[in-house]
Amino acid sequence: MTEPALPKHVIERLEIAILTGETLQLNWAEPDSSQAWWGKVTPREVREADGYHWLDGECEGRDVRIRLDLIRNLPTPVK
């Protein structure tokens, strides 16, 4: 299964956060359990794997791998 196409501005916004070392307050769900998470995430990389886009980063001292289509408050563009 593949995710629906992500808006280009979402990936661009995450790339800006990676380049600037920005921390994002994100709310997301786990793919298998739908368990919800909320935390301050420092993104490191956006990549494609298994038919989905993933955000690799650090959340409050632990490594996280977040599927982009399961982020409930996607970042907005910077103006």
Protein backbone atom coordinates (compact mmCIF):
# COMPACT_ATOMS: atom_id res chain seq x y z
CA MET A 1 0.00 0.00 0.00
CA THR A 2 1.24 3.48 -0.77
CA GLU A 3 0.31 6.76 0.78
CA PRO A 4 -1.59 9.48 -1.05
CA ALA A 5 0.66 12.11 -2.59
CA LEU A 6 1.97 14.53 0.00
CA PRO A 7 1.76 18.22 -0.78
CA LYS A 8 5.16 19.43 -1.97
CA HIS A 9 5.17 22.21 0.63
CA VAL A 10 5.14 19.64 3.47
CA ILE A 11 8.38 18.01 2.34
CA GLU A 12 9.92 21.43 1.64
CA ARG A 13 8.92 22.63 5.12
CA LEU A 14 10.49 19.57 6.74
CA GLU A 15 13.67 20.04 4.69
CA ILE A 16 13.90 23.64 5.96
CA ALA A 17 13.52 22.37 9.53
CA ILE A 18 16.31 19.83 8.93
CA LEU A 19 18.68 22.43 7.45
CA THR A 20 18.10 24.95 10.24
CA GLY A 21 18.05 22.51 13.16
CA GLU A 22 14.50 23.55 14.04
CA THR A 23 12.47 21.59 16.58
CA LEU A 24 8.85 20.86 15.61
CA GLN A 25 6.00 20.14 18.01
CA LEU A 26 4.36 17.14 16.30
CA ASN A 27 1.39 14.87 16.96
CA TRP A 28 1.54 11.51 15.18
CA ALA A 29 0.30 7.91 15.32
CA GLU A 30 2.21 4.64 15.15
CA PRO A 31 1.46 2.72 11.92
CA ASP A 32 0.73 -0.63 13.55
CA SER A 33 -1.02 0.27 16.79
CA SER A 34 -2.40 3.77 16.06
CA GLN A 35 -0.96 4.80 19.43
CA ALA A 36 -0.75 8.59 19.48
CA TRP A 37 2.40 10.55 20.32
CA TRP A 38 3.02 14.23 20.96
CA GLY A 39 6.49 15.63 21.31
CA LYS A 40 9.23 18.02 20.27
CA VAL A 41 10.91 16.42 17.27
CA THR A 42 14.23 17.51 15.78
CA PRO A 43 14.06 16.19 12.20
CA ARG A 44 17.18 14.69 10.59
CA GLU A 45 16.03 13.19 7.28
CA VAL A 46 12.98 12.71 5.06
CA ARG A 47 13.14 9.50 3.04
CA GLU A 48 11.02 7.00 1.14
CA ALA A 49 10.75 3.38 2.21
CA ASP A 50 8.09 0.68 1.95
CA GLY A 51 5.95 2.92 -0.28
CA TYR A 52 5.75 5.74 2.29
CA HIS A 53 7.60 8.92 3.20
CA TRP A 54 9.25 8.80 6.64
CA LEU A 55 10.71 11.41 8.92
CA ASP A 56 13.72 10.28 10.92
CA GLY A 57 14.59 12.41 13.89
CA GLU A 58 14.98 12.72 17.62
CA CYS A 59 12.19 13.28 20.10
CA GLU A 60 13.21 14.24 23.60
CA GLY A 61 16.36 12.12 23.57
CA ARG A 62 15.17 9.08 21.63
CA ASP A 63 15.29 8.23 17.94
CA VAL A 64 11.95 8.28 16.13
CA ARG A 65 10.77 7.15 12.70
CA ILE A 66 7.48 8.83 11.81
CA ARG A 67 5.38 8.04 8.75
CA LEU A 68 4.46 11.42 7.24
CA ASP A 69 0.87 10.51 6.43
CA LEU A 70 0.31 9.74 10.13
CA ILE A 71 1.37 13.20 11.36
CA ARG A 72 -1.82 14.85 12.55
CA ASN A 73 -0.51 18.43 12.55
CA LEU A 74 1.65 18.71 9.46
CA PRO A 75 3.91 21.79 9.46
CA THR A 76 2.80 24.77 7.42
CA PRO A 77 4.93 26.65 4.90
CA VAL A 78 7.33 29.36 6.07
CA LYS A 79 6.57 32.78 4.59
